[in-house]
């Protein structure tokens, strides 16, 4: 995988195809390979860029916000409370993506994010609307975290630091991938188990403090596509309908017989919706 080294981060990414840029932002706790069906299909017509976010996949977590050197420079025992202090805000992920686009000389892109990736996409649009010529929000939601949700995310972060990822992955697999979509489950489980628990915990703490993006959605001037799995219990269809209503120019696709990862569970249906949307963005000659 190529790597982009900027002042923001060292980001590993996949870059395939030519044409208009489609930037795919993965969810938590996955990596860029969650987009494998879409990379394979849409690189025929687009330049598809799919990075591993900070701390996920091959991309390192990087320097602790309060440190003067990368965490890799010292063992955990030398600074035992460092992992507990870590928090990766959605804005950090968004700025990493903008730095990646800059490094690749990409002016604007169709920005697609799923779950946490969708919230990062909303943050990127909020801070850099000129870099986005199309917005795809899949199985995500815009509201700020509730007090109960904030406590739950921080508790889960503590648990991941204590126990690692496997127990969590075992518990949530049937919510990530519907039980009737067994073909997608092994890949999803491998991604979750391979994720660095320190990075996953930091992202959870960052998401716990995210802003409310509902006002931002009302300002989106580009066409948008909202996608959700019919059986998604993390981000139900009602959340997708709310986002569509907030966005000035949006269509909604509900993927039947899919849960939280319709792009992997039902790639043909997901890709058909994305292809129709991308075709609608083609600029006339």
Protein backbone atom coordinates (compact mmCIF):
# COMPACT_ATOMS: atom_id res chain seq x y z
CA UNK A 1 0.00 0.00 0.00
CA UNK A 2 1.25 3.51 -0.73
CA UNK A 3 1.69 5.86 2.20
CA UNK A 4 1.10 9.60 2.45
CA UNK A 5 3.35 11.34 4.96
CA UNK A 6 2.17 14.82 5.92
CA UNK A 7 2.38 17.08 8.93
CA UNK A 8 -0.92 15.56 10.06
CA UNK A 9 -0.28 11.83 9.81
CA UNK A 10 1.31 8.92 8.04
CA UNK A 11 -1.66 7.50 6.16
CA UNK A 12 -1.71 4.24 4.23
CA UNK A 13 -4.27 4.10 1.46
CA UNK A 14 -5.38 2.29 -1.67
CA UNK A 15 -5.59 4.36 -4.85
CA UNK A 16 -7.04 2.73 -7.95
CA UNK A 17 -8.53 3.85 -11.24
CA UNK A 18 -8.80 7.18 -13.01
CA UNK A 19 -11.51 9.80 -13.32
CA UNK A 20 -13.53 11.71 -10.73
CA UNK A 21 -12.33 10.96 -7.22
CA UNK A 22 -14.41 8.79 -4.89
CA UNK A 23 -13.04 8.89 -1.33
CA UNK A 24 -14.26 5.98 0.82
CA UNK A 25 -14.10 6.38 4.61
CA UNK A 26 -14.43 3.20 6.63
CA UNK A 27 -16.23 2.73 9.91
CA UNK A 28 -15.18 1.53 13.37
CA UNK A 29 -13.50 -0.81 14.09
CA UNK A 30 -12.61 -1.72 10.52
CA UNK A 31 -10.10 -0.73 7.84
CA UNK A 32 -10.16 0.23 4.18
CA UNK A 33 -10.78 -3.37 3.08
CA UNK A 34 -14.41 -3.05 4.21
CA UNK A 35 -14.78 -1.23 0.88
CA UNK A 36 -13.26 -4.04 -1.22
CA UNK A 37 -16.38 -4.66 -3.40
CA UNK A 38 -16.73 -0.94 -4.09
CA UNK A 39 -13.01 -0.45 -4.82
CA UNK A 40 -13.15 -3.29 -7.35
CA UNK A 41 -16.29 -2.02 -9.05
CA UNK A 42 -15.96 1.74 -9.06
CA UNK A 43 -12.26 1.91 -9.95
CA UNK A 44 -13.44 1.09 -13.48
CA UNK A 45 -15.03 4.54 -13.77
CA UNK A 46 -13.50 6.60 -10.94
CA UNK A 47 -10.30 7.18 -9.10
CA UNK A 48 -11.10 5.42 -5.84
CA UNK A 49 -9.09 6.38 -2.77
CA UNK A 50 -9.65 4.26 0.33
CA UNK A 51 -7.42 5.10 3.31
CA UNK A 52 -6.88 3.35 6.59
CA UNK A 53 -7.86 5.92 9.20
CA UNK A 54 -5.47 6.94 11.95
CA UNK A 55 -4.86 3.89 14.16
CA UNK A 56 -6.71 1.46 11.89
CA UNK A 57 -5.33 -1.06 9.43
CA UNK A 58 -1.78 -0.16 8.41
CA UNK A 59 -1.98 3.50 9.49
CA UNK A 60 -0.30 4.18 12.85
CA UNK A 61 -2.12 6.01 15.61
CA UNK A 62 0.59 8.64 15.70
CA UNK A 63 1.65 11.00 18.43
CA UNK A 64 -0.37 11.34 21.59
CA UNK A 65 -1.90 14.87 21.68
CA UNK A 66 -0.08 15.63 24.92
CA UNK A 67 3.22 14.03 23.99
CA UNK A 68 6.29 15.47 22.28
CA UNK A 69 7.17 12.20 20.53
CA UNK A 70 5.27 9.29 18.97
CA UNK A 71 3.87 6.75 21.42
CA UNK A 72 5.87 4.08 19.60
CA UNK A 73 8.99 5.72 21.04
CA UNK A 74 8.31 4.30 24.48
CA UNK A 75 6.75 1.10 25.85
CA UNK A 76 3.35 1.21 27.49
CA UNK A 77 4.91 0.49 30.86
CA UNK A 78 6.87 3.73 30.67
CA UNK A 79 3.67 5.76 30.51
CA UNK A 80 0.97 3.45 31.86
CA UNK A 81 -1.88 5.93 31.73
CA UNK A 82 -1.23 7.10 28.15
CA UNK A 83 -3.77 4.80 26.44
CA UNK A 84 -6.50 5.86 28.88
CA UNK A 85 -5.89 9.52 28.03
CA UNK A 86 -6.08 9.06 24.30
CA UNK A 87 -8.99 10.57 22.39
CA UNK A 88 -9.11 10.91 18.61
CA UNK A 89 -11.69 13.54 17.71
CA UNK A 90 -13.62 13.27 14.47
CA UNK A 91 -11.99 16.52 13.43
CA UNK A 92 -8.57 14.87 13.61
CA UNK A 93 -9.70 12.13 11.22
CA UNK A 94 -11.21 14.75 8.90
CA UNK A 95 -8.04 16.83 8.81
CA UNK A 96 -6.02 13.70 8.07
CA UNK A 97 -8.24 13.10 5.04
CA UNK A 98 -7.89 16.68 3.82
CA UNK A 99 -4.12 16.39 4.18
CA UNK A 100 -4.23 13.17 2.16
CA UNK A 101 -6.24 14.87 -0.60
CA UNK A 102 -3.74 17.74 -0.63
CA UNK A 103 -0.82 15.33 -0.86
CA UNK A 104 -2.48 13.55 -3.79
CA UNK A 105 -3.32 16.86 -5.54
CA UNK A 106 -7.06 16.21 -5.33
CA UNK A 107 -9.16 19.37 -5.30
CA UNK A 108 -12.55 17.80 -4.62
CA UNK A 109 -14.17 14.41 -4.34
CA UNK A 110 -17.32 12.46 -3.85
CA UNK A 111 -17.05 11.67 -0.16
CA UNK A 112 -18.60 8.44 1.11
CA UNK A 113 -18.55 7.31 4.72
CA UNK A 114 -20.19 4.49 6.63
CA UNK A 115 -21.03 4.57 10.36
CA UNK A 116 -18.17 6.46 12.06
CA UNK A 117 -16.92 7.15 8.54
CA UNK A 118 -20.19 8.93 7.84
CA UNK A 119 -19.72 11.14 10.88
CA UNK A 120 -16.17 11.92 9.74
CA UNK A 121 -17.62 12.80 6.34
CA UNK A 122 -20.08 15.19 7.98
CA UNK A 123 -17.23 16.77 9.95
CA UNK A 124 -15.14 17.14 6.80
CA UNK A 125 -18.03 18.81 4.99
CA UNK A 126 -18.61 21.11 7.97
CA UNK A 127 -15.00 22.30 7.95
CA UNK A 128 -14.14 22.05 4.24
CA UNK A 129 -17.33 22.14 2.16
CA UNK A 130 -15.46 23.15 -0.98
CA UNK A 131 -13.63 19.84 -1.06
CA UNK A 132 -16.85 17.82 -1.40
CA UNK A 133 -18.77 17.59 -4.69
CA UNK A 134 -21.00 14.75 -3.54
CA UNK A 135 -21.83 13.24 -0.15
CA UNK A 136 -22.76 9.62 0.61
CA UNK A 137 -23.83 8.81 4.18
CA UNK A 138 -24.33 5.12 4.92
CA UNK A 139 -25.62 3.61 8.16
CA UNK A 140 -24.75 6.65 10.24
CA UNK A 141 -26.50 9.41 12.18
CA UNK A 142 -25.84 13.12 12.77
CA UNK A 143 -26.96 13.80 16.34
CA UNK A 144 -24.55 14.55 19.16
CA UNK A 145 -24.05 11.84 21.74
CA UNK A 146 -26.47 11.60 24.65
CA UNK A 147 -25.21 11.51 28.23
CA UNK A 148 -26.04 7.80 28.34
CA UNK A 149 -24.29 7.16 25.05
CA UNK A 150 -21.23 9.12 26.14
CA UNK A 151 -20.93 7.02 29.28
CA UNK A 152 -21.37 3.82 27.28
CA UNK A 153 -18.68 4.75 24.74
CA UNK A 154 -16.20 5.61 27.47
CA UNK A 155 -17.00 2.41 29.33
CA UNK A 156 -16.44 0.41 26.15
CA UNK A 157 -13.14 2.22 25.59
CA UNK A 158 -12.04 1.15 29.07
CA UNK A 159 -13.09 -2.42 28.34
CA UNK A 160 -11.19 -2.59 25.05
CA UNK A 161 -8.03 -1.41 26.79
CA UNK A 162 -8.45 -4.11 29.44
CA UNK A 163 -9.58 -7.02 27.29
CA UNK A 164 -8.65 -6.34 23.69
CA UNK A 165 -10.95 -6.62 20.68
CA UNK A 166 -11.98 -10.28 20.37
CA UNK A 167 -14.68 -10.39 23.03
CA UNK A 168 -16.27 -7.23 21.66
CA UNK A 169 -16.04 -8.55 18.11
CA UNK A 170 -17.74 -11.80 19.09
CA UNK A 171 -20.58 -9.93 20.81
CA UNK A 172 -21.41 -7.41 18.09
CA UNK A 173 -20.82 -9.46 14.94
CA UNK A 174 -24.52 -10.34 14.56
CA UNK A 175 -25.40 -6.64 14.71
CA UNK A 176 -22.71 -5.59 12.27
CA UNK A 177 -23.66 -8.35 9.82
CA UNK A 178 -27.13 -9.86 9.87
CA UNK A 179 -27.03 -13.58 10.78
CA UNK A 180 -28.46 -14.49 7.37
CA UNK A 181 -25.47 -12.84 5.65
CA UNK A 182 -22.85 -15.34 6.77
CA UNK A 183 -20.70 -14.76 3.68
CA UNK A 184 -19.63 -11.35 5.02
CA UNK A 185 -19.09 -12.31 8.66
CA UNK A 186 -15.55 -13.78 8.56
CA UNK A 187 -14.05 -10.69 6.92
CA UNK A 188 -15.84 -8.34 9.31
CA UNK A 189 -14.76 -10.38 12.34
CA UNK A 190 -11.13 -10.42 11.16
CA UNK A 191 -11.10 -6.64 10.73
CA UNK A 192 -12.50 -6.06 14.20
CA UNK A 193 -10.09 -8.46 15.88
CA UNK A 194 -7.11 -6.96 14.04
CA UNK A 195 -7.83 -3.40 15.18
CA UNK A 196 -5.51 -1.88 17.77
CA UNK A 197 -7.58 -1.58 20.97
CA UNK A 198 -5.77 1.64 21.93
CA UNK A 199 -6.81 3.23 18.64
CA UNK A 200 -10.36 1.87 18.92
CA UNK A 201 -10.68 3.22 22.46
CA UNK A 202 -9.36 6.63 21.39
CA UNK A 203 -11.90 6.81 18.58
CA UNK A 204 -14.73 5.88 20.93
CA UNK A 205 -13.76 8.69 23.30
CA UNK A 206 -13.58 11.11 20.39
CA UNK A 207 -17.00 10.09 19.09
CA UNK A 208 -18.45 10.52 22.56
CA UNK A 209 -17.65 14.24 22.31
CA UNK A 210 -18.75 14.81 18.70
CA UNK A 211 -20.83 17.85 17.82
CA UNK A 212 -24.37 17.76 16.47
CA UNK A 213 -24.23 17.69 12.67
CA UNK A 214 -27.92 18.20 12.00
CA UNK A 215 -27.52 21.91 11.33
CA UNK A 216 -24.58 21.17 9.06
CA UNK A 217 -26.71 18.80 7.00
CA UNK A 218 -29.21 21.57 6.28
CA UNK A 219 -26.38 23.57 4.63
CA UNK A 220 -25.15 20.82 2.29
CA UNK A 221 -25.36 22.30 -1.19
CA UNK A 222 -24.24 19.22 -3.13
CA UNK A 223 -26.42 16.22 -3.98
CA UNK A 224 -26.36 13.55 -1.30
CA UNK A 225 -27.16 9.86 -1.07
CA UNK A 226 -28.29 8.26 2.18
CA UNK A 227 -28.07 4.46 2.43
CA UNK A 228 -29.09 2.15 5.27
CA UNK A 229 -29.61 -1.55 5.82
CA UNK A 230 -33.23 -2.44 6.53
CA UNK A 231 -32.23 -4.44 9.61
CA UNK A 232 -29.59 -2.09 10.99
CA UNK A 233 -30.14 -1.74 14.74
CA UNK A 234 -27.22 0.66 15.30
CA UNK A 235 -28.58 3.25 12.87
CA UNK A 236 -32.19 2.37 12.10
CA UNK A 237 -34.06 3.38 8.97
CA UNK A 238 -35.70 6.19 10.94
CA UNK A 239 -32.27 7.82 11.41
CA UNK A 240 -31.66 7.64 7.67
CA UNK A 241 -35.05 9.18 6.97
CA UNK A 242 -34.22 12.03 9.34
CA UNK A 243 -30.96 12.69 7.53
CA UNK A 244 -32.66 12.68 4.16
CA UNK A 245 -35.20 15.20 5.43
CA UNK A 246 -32.44 17.51 6.69
CA UNK A 247 -30.39 17.41 3.50
CA UNK A 248 -31.62 19.85 0.83
CA UNK A 249 -30.88 17.51 -2.10
CA UNK A 250 -30.86 13.87 -1.05
CA UNK A 251 -32.14 10.47 -2.05
CA UNK A 252 -32.56 7.51 0.28
CA UNK A 253 -31.90 3.86 -0.46
CA UNK A 254 -32.89 1.16 2.02
CA UNK A 255 -31.01 -2.05 1.32
CA UNK A 256 -33.20 -5.03 2.10
CA UNK A 257 -31.81 -8.02 4.02
CA UNK A 258 -28.85 -6.10 5.36
CA UNK A 259 -27.82 -4.79 8.77
CA UNK A 260 -25.03 -2.28 9.54
CA UNK A 261 -22.71 -3.09 6.60
CA UNK A 262 -24.89 -3.29 3.49
CA UNK A 263 -21.90 -2.60 1.24
CA UNK A 264 -20.49 -6.00 2.29
CA UNK A 265 -23.71 -7.84 3.03
CA UNK A 266 -25.52 -6.89 -0.17
CA UNK A 267 -22.83 -5.34 -2.40
CA UNK A 268 -24.84 -5.60 -5.62
CA UNK A 269 -27.74 -3.63 -4.18
CA UNK A 270 -25.47 -1.13 -2.46
CA UNK A 271 -23.38 -0.65 -5.59
CA UNK A 272 -26.43 -0.17 -7.79
CA UNK A 273 -27.60 2.71 -5.60
CA UNK A 274 -24.12 4.23 -5.54
CA UNK A 275 -23.70 3.83 -9.29
CA UNK A 276 -26.99 5.58 -10.01
CA UNK A 277 -26.00 8.39 -7.67
CA UNK A 278 -22.55 8.80 -9.21
CA UNK A 279 -24.05 8.82 -12.68
CA UNK A 280 -26.31 11.70 -11.62
CA UNK A 281 -23.23 13.75 -10.71
CA UNK A 282 -21.58 13.49 -14.13
CA UNK A 283 -20.83 16.98 -15.34
CA UNK A 284 -22.05 17.68 -18.89
CA UNK A 285 -19.36 18.36 -21.48
